[in-house]
Amino acid sequence: MKKAAEYLGLTVAILLILVAAFTYVGPHFGWRVDAVLSGSMEPQLQTG
């Protein structure tokens, strides 16, 4: 059980590091996350 908890903790830590890295590095490559709430940007961006 202790080994499973260590594995789970390591997995969560790696995922958090990856998310933080993509959040920091993404905008430098022009990657953006946009939430389009209406159809005003159609057909360029899909709603949702």
PDB file of N, CA and C in Angstrom:
ATOM      1  N   MET A   1       0.829  -1.189   0.000  1.00  0.00           N
ATOM      2  CA  MET A   1       0.000   0.000   0.000  1.00  0.00           C
ATOM      3  C   MET A   1       0.871   1.250   0.000  1.00  0.00           C
ATOM      4  N   LYS A   2       1.979   1.198   0.740  1.00  0.00           N
ATOM      5  CA  LYS A   2       2.865   2.354   0.807  1.00  0.00           C
ATOM      6  C   LYS A   2       3.471   2.640  -0.564  1.00  0.00           C
ATOM      7  N   LYS A   3       3.799   1.588  -1.285  1.00  0.00           N
ATOM      8  CA  LYS A   3       4.393   1.755  -2.610  1.00  0.00           C
ATOM      9  C   LYS A   3       3.384   2.374  -3.579  1.00  0.00           C
ATOM     10  N   ALA A   4       2.123   1.983  -3.463  1.00  0.00           N
ATOM     11  CA  ALA A   4       1.079   2.546  -4.320  1.00  0.00           C
ATOM     12  C   ALA A   4       0.894   4.031  -4.035  1.00  0.00           C
ATOM     13  N   ALA A   5       0.954   4.421  -2.768  1.00  0.00           N
ATOM     14  CA  ALA A   5       0.817   5.828  -2.401  1.00  0.00           C
ATOM     15  C   ALA A   5       1.994   6.638  -2.934  1.00  0.00           C
ATOM     16  N   GLU A   6       3.192   6.087  -2.874  1.00  0.00           N
ATOM     17  CA  GLU A   6       4.361   6.775  -3.417  1.00  0.00           C
ATOM     18  C   GLU A   6       4.229   6.946  -4.928  1.00  0.00           C
ATOM     19  N   TYR A   7       3.774   5.908  -5.607  1.00  0.00           N
ATOM     20  CA  TYR A   7       3.587   5.952  -7.059  1.00  0.00           C
ATOM     21  C   TYR A   7       2.539   7.003  -7.440  1.00  0.00           C
ATOM     22  N   LEU A   8       1.438   7.033  -6.691  1.00  0.00           N
ATOM     23  CA  LEU A   8       0.381   8.006  -6.945  1.00  0.00           C
ATOM     24  C   LEU A   8       0.881   9.429  -6.708  1.00  0.00           C
ATOM     25  N   GLY A   9       1.616   9.630  -5.633  1.00  0.00           N
ATOM     26  CA  GLY A   9       2.166  10.954  -5.343  1.00  0.00           C
ATOM     27  C   GLY A   9       3.135  11.417  -6.412  1.00  0.00           C
ATOM     28  N   LEU A  10       3.982  10.523  -6.876  1.00  0.00           N
ATOM     29  CA  LEU A  10       4.936  10.857  -7.930  1.00  0.00           C
ATOM     30  C   LEU A  10       4.212  11.194  -9.231  1.00  0.00           C
ATOM     31  N   THR A  11       3.184  10.428  -9.552  1.00  0.00           N
ATOM     32  CA  THR A  11       2.406  10.679 -10.765  1.00  0.00           C
ATOM     33  C   THR A  11       1.728  12.043 -10.710  1.00  0.00           C
ATOM     34  N   VAL A  12       1.131  12.376  -9.583  1.00  0.00           N
ATOM     35  CA  VAL A  12       0.472  13.678  -9.428  1.00  0.00           C
ATOM     36  C   VAL A  12       1.491  14.804  -9.524  1.00  0.00           C
ATOM     37  N   ALA A  13       2.648  14.640  -8.908  1.00  0.00           N
ATOM     38  CA  ALA A  13       3.687  15.667  -8.965  1.00  0.00           C
ATOM     39  C   ALA A  13       4.170  15.889 -10.395  1.00  0.00           C
ATOM     40  N   ILE A  14       4.376  14.817 -11.136  1.00  0.00           N
ATOM     41  CA  ILE A  14       4.819  14.939 -12.528  1.00  0.00           C
ATOM     42  C   ILE A  14       3.755  15.632 -13.369  1.00  0.00           C
ATOM     43  N   LEU A  15       2.494  15.279 -13.171  1.00  0.00           N
ATOM     44  CA  LEU A  15       1.416  15.922 -13.917  1.00  0.00           C
ATOM     45  C   LEU A  15       1.335  17.414 -13.610  1.00  0.00           C
ATOM     46  N   LEU A  16       1.491  17.780 -12.351  1.00  0.00           N
ATOM     47  CA  LEU A  16       1.468  19.199 -11.982  1.00  0.00           C
ATOM     48  C   LEU A  16       2.625  19.958 -12.616  1.00  0.00           C
ATOM     49  N   ILE A  17       3.793  19.351 -12.645  1.00  0.00           N
ATOM     50  CA  ILE A  17       4.956  19.988 -13.267  1.00  0.00           C
ATOM     51  C   ILE A  17       4.724  20.161 -14.765  1.00  0.00           C
ATOM     52  N   LEU A  18       4.165  19.148 -15.419  1.00  0.00           N
ATOM     53  CA  LEU A  18       3.887  19.244 -16.854  1.00  0.00           C
ATOM     54  C   LEU A  18       2.858  20.325 -17.156  1.00  0.00           C
ATOM     55  N   VAL A  19       1.807  20.401 -16.364  1.00  0.00           N
ATOM     56  CA  VAL A  19       0.789  21.435 -16.571  1.00  0.00           C
ATOM     57  C   VAL A  19       1.397  22.818 -16.375  1.00  0.00           C
ATOM     58  N   ALA A  20       2.208  22.981 -15.343  1.00  0.00           N
ATOM     59  CA  ALA A  20       2.858  24.274 -15.112  1.00  0.00           C
ATOM     60  C   ALA A  20       3.800  24.626 -16.251  1.00  0.00           C
ATOM     61  N   ALA A  21       4.532  23.658 -16.757  1.00  0.00           N
ATOM     62  CA  ALA A  21       5.465  23.916 -17.856  1.00  0.00           C
ATOM     63  C   ALA A  21       4.714  24.325 -19.116  1.00  0.00           C
ATOM     64  N   PHE A  22       3.640  23.613 -19.463  1.00  0.00           N
ATOM     65  CA  PHE A  22       2.873  23.974 -20.656  1.00  0.00           C
ATOM     66  C   PHE A  22       2.187  25.326 -20.488  1.00  0.00           C
ATOM     67  N   THR A  23       1.758  25.649 -19.271  1.00  0.00           N
ATOM     68  CA  THR A  23       1.136  26.943 -19.024  1.00  0.00           C
ATOM     69  C   THR A  23       2.137  28.070 -19.216  1.00  0.00           C
ATOM     70  N   TYR A  24       3.362  27.846 -18.820  1.00  0.00           N
ATOM     71  CA  TYR A  24       4.395  28.873 -18.953  1.00  0.00           C
ATOM     72  C   TYR A  24       4.948  28.947 -20.373  1.00  0.00           C
ATOM     73  N   VAL A  25       5.225  27.805 -20.990  1.00  0.00           N
ATOM     74  CA  VAL A  25       5.889  27.762 -22.294  1.00  0.00           C
ATOM     75  C   VAL A  25       4.904  27.991 -23.441  1.00  0.00           C
ATOM     76  N   GLY A  26       3.668  27.563 -23.303  1.00  0.00           N
ATOM     77  CA  GLY A  26       2.684  27.649 -24.375  1.00  0.00           C
ATOM     78  C   GLY A  26       2.544  29.019 -25.014  1.00  0.00           C
ATOM     79  N   PRO A  27       2.345  30.079 -24.242  1.00  0.00           N
ATOM     80  CA  PRO A  27       2.193  31.406 -24.846  1.00  0.00           C
ATOM     81  C   PRO A  27       3.419  31.871 -25.633  1.00  0.00           C
ATOM     82  N   HIS A  28       4.582  31.373 -25.327  1.00  0.00           N
ATOM     83  CA  HIS A  28       5.784  31.756 -26.063  1.00  0.00           C
ATOM     84  C   HIS A  28       5.768  31.211 -27.490  1.00  0.00           C
ATOM     85  N   PHE A  29       4.958  30.171 -27.730  1.00  0.00           N
ATOM     86  CA  PHE A  29       4.824  29.597 -29.066  1.00  0.00           C
ATOM     87  C   PHE A  29       3.514  30.008 -29.735  1.00  0.00           C
ATOM     88  N   GLY A  30       2.795  30.931 -29.121  1.00  0.00           N
ATOM     89  CA  GLY A  30       1.543  31.404 -29.695  1.00  0.00           C
ATOM     90  C   GLY A  30       0.336  30.542 -29.374  1.00  0.00           C
ATOM     91  N   TRP A  31       0.477  29.596 -28.452  1.00  0.00           N
ATOM     92  CA  TRP A  31      -0.644  28.740 -28.061  1.00  0.00           C
ATOM     93  C   TRP A  31      -1.496  29.488 -27.052  1.00  0.00           C
ATOM     94  N   ARG A  32      -2.808  29.485 -27.267  1.00  0.00           N
ATOM     95  CA  ARG A  32      -3.725  30.151 -26.351  1.00  0.00           C
ATOM     96  C   ARG A  32      -4.938  29.270 -26.107  1.00  0.00           C
ATOM     97  N   VAL A  33      -5.512  29.411 -24.945  1.00  0.00           N
ATOM     98  CA  VAL A  33      -6.764  28.743 -24.626  1.00  0.00           C
ATOM     99  C   VAL A  33      -7.821  29.833 -24.546  1.00  0.00           C
ATOM    100  N   ASP A  34      -8.807  29.760 -25.430  1.00  0.00           N
ATOM    101  CA  ASP A  34      -9.876  30.748 -25.464  1.00  0.00           C
ATOM    102  C   ASP A  34     -11.211  30.056 -25.236  1.00  0.00           C
ATOM    103  N   ALA A  35     -12.055  30.674 -24.435  1.00  0.00           N
ATOM    104  CA  ALA A  35     -13.412  30.174 -24.237  1.00  0.00           C
ATOM    105  C   ALA A  35     -14.348  31.052 -25.062  1.00  0.00           C
ATOM    106  N   VAL A  36     -14.932  30.471 -26.100  1.00  0.00           N
ATOM    107  CA  VAL A  36     -15.850  31.203 -26.968  1.00  0.00           C
ATOM    108  C   VAL A  36     -17.265  30.881 -26.508  1.00  0.00           C
ATOM    109  N   LEU A  37     -17.955  31.890 -25.983  1.00  0.00           N
ATOM    110  CA  LEU A  37     -19.272  31.666 -25.397  1.00  0.00           C
ATOM    111  C   LEU A  37     -20.413  31.872 -26.383  1.00  0.00           C
ATOM    112  N   SER A  38     -20.163  32.597 -27.467  1.00  0.00           N
ATOM    113  CA  SER A  38     -21.228  32.834 -28.438  1.00  0.00           C
ATOM    114  C   SER A  38     -20.704  32.544 -29.840  1.00  0.00           C
ATOM    115  N   GLY A  39     -21.566  32.630 -30.809  1.00  0.00           N
ATOM    116  CA  GLY A  39     -21.193  32.349 -32.185  1.00  0.00           C
ATOM    117  C   GLY A  39     -20.607  33.544 -32.909  1.00  0.00           C
ATOM    118  N   SER A  40     -20.208  34.588 -32.196  1.00  0.00           N
ATOM    119  CA  SER A  40     -19.727  35.807 -32.841  1.00  0.00           C
ATOM    120  C   SER A  40     -18.416  35.604 -33.595  1.00  0.00           C
ATOM    121  N   MET A  41     -17.652  34.595 -33.259  1.00  0.00           N
ATOM    122  CA  MET A  41     -16.369  34.359 -33.923  1.00  0.00           C
ATOM    123  C   MET A  41     -16.455  33.267 -34.991  1.00  0.00           C
ATOM    124  N   GLU A  42     -17.658  32.752 -35.264  1.00  0.00           N
ATOM    125  CA  GLU A  42     -17.819  31.734 -36.304  1.00  0.00           C
ATOM    126  C   GLU A  42     -17.449  32.339 -37.644  1.00  0.00           C
ATOM    127  N   PRO A  43     -16.877  31.670 -38.581  1.00  0.00           N
ATOM    128  CA  PRO A  43     -16.404  30.293 -38.581  1.00  0.00           C
ATOM    129  C   PRO A  43     -14.958  30.153 -38.114  1.00  0.00           C
ATOM    130  N   GLN A  44     -14.320  31.248 -37.679  1.00  0.00           N
ATOM    131  CA  GLN A  44     -12.922  31.184 -37.235  1.00  0.00           C
ATOM    132  C   GLN A  44     -12.755  30.258 -36.033  1.00  0.00           C
ATOM    133  N   LEU A  45     -13.579  30.439 -35.015  1.00  0.00           N
ATOM    134  CA  LEU A  45     -13.513  29.630 -33.792  1.00  0.00           C
ATOM    135  C   LEU A  45     -14.879  29.017 -33.532  1.00  0.00           C
ATOM    136  N   GLN A  46     -14.882  27.756 -33.155  1.00  0.00           N
ATOM    137  CA  GLN A  46     -16.133  27.071 -32.836  1.00  0.00           C
ATOM    138  C   GLN A  46     -16.538  27.385 -31.404  1.00  0.00           C
ATOM    139  N   THR A  47     -17.830  27.453 -31.138  1.00  0.00           N
ATOM    140  CA  THR A  47     -18.297  27.691 -29.775  1.00  0.00           C
ATOM    141  C   THR A  47     -18.088  26.442 -28.934  1.00  0.00           C
ATOM    142  N   GLY A  48     -17.958  26.673 -27.629  1.00  0.00           N
ATOM    143  CA  GLY A  48     -17.837  25.527 -26.735  1.00  0.00           C
ATOM    144  C   GLY A  48     -16.611  25.431 -26.013  1.00  0.00           C
TER     145      GLY A  48
END
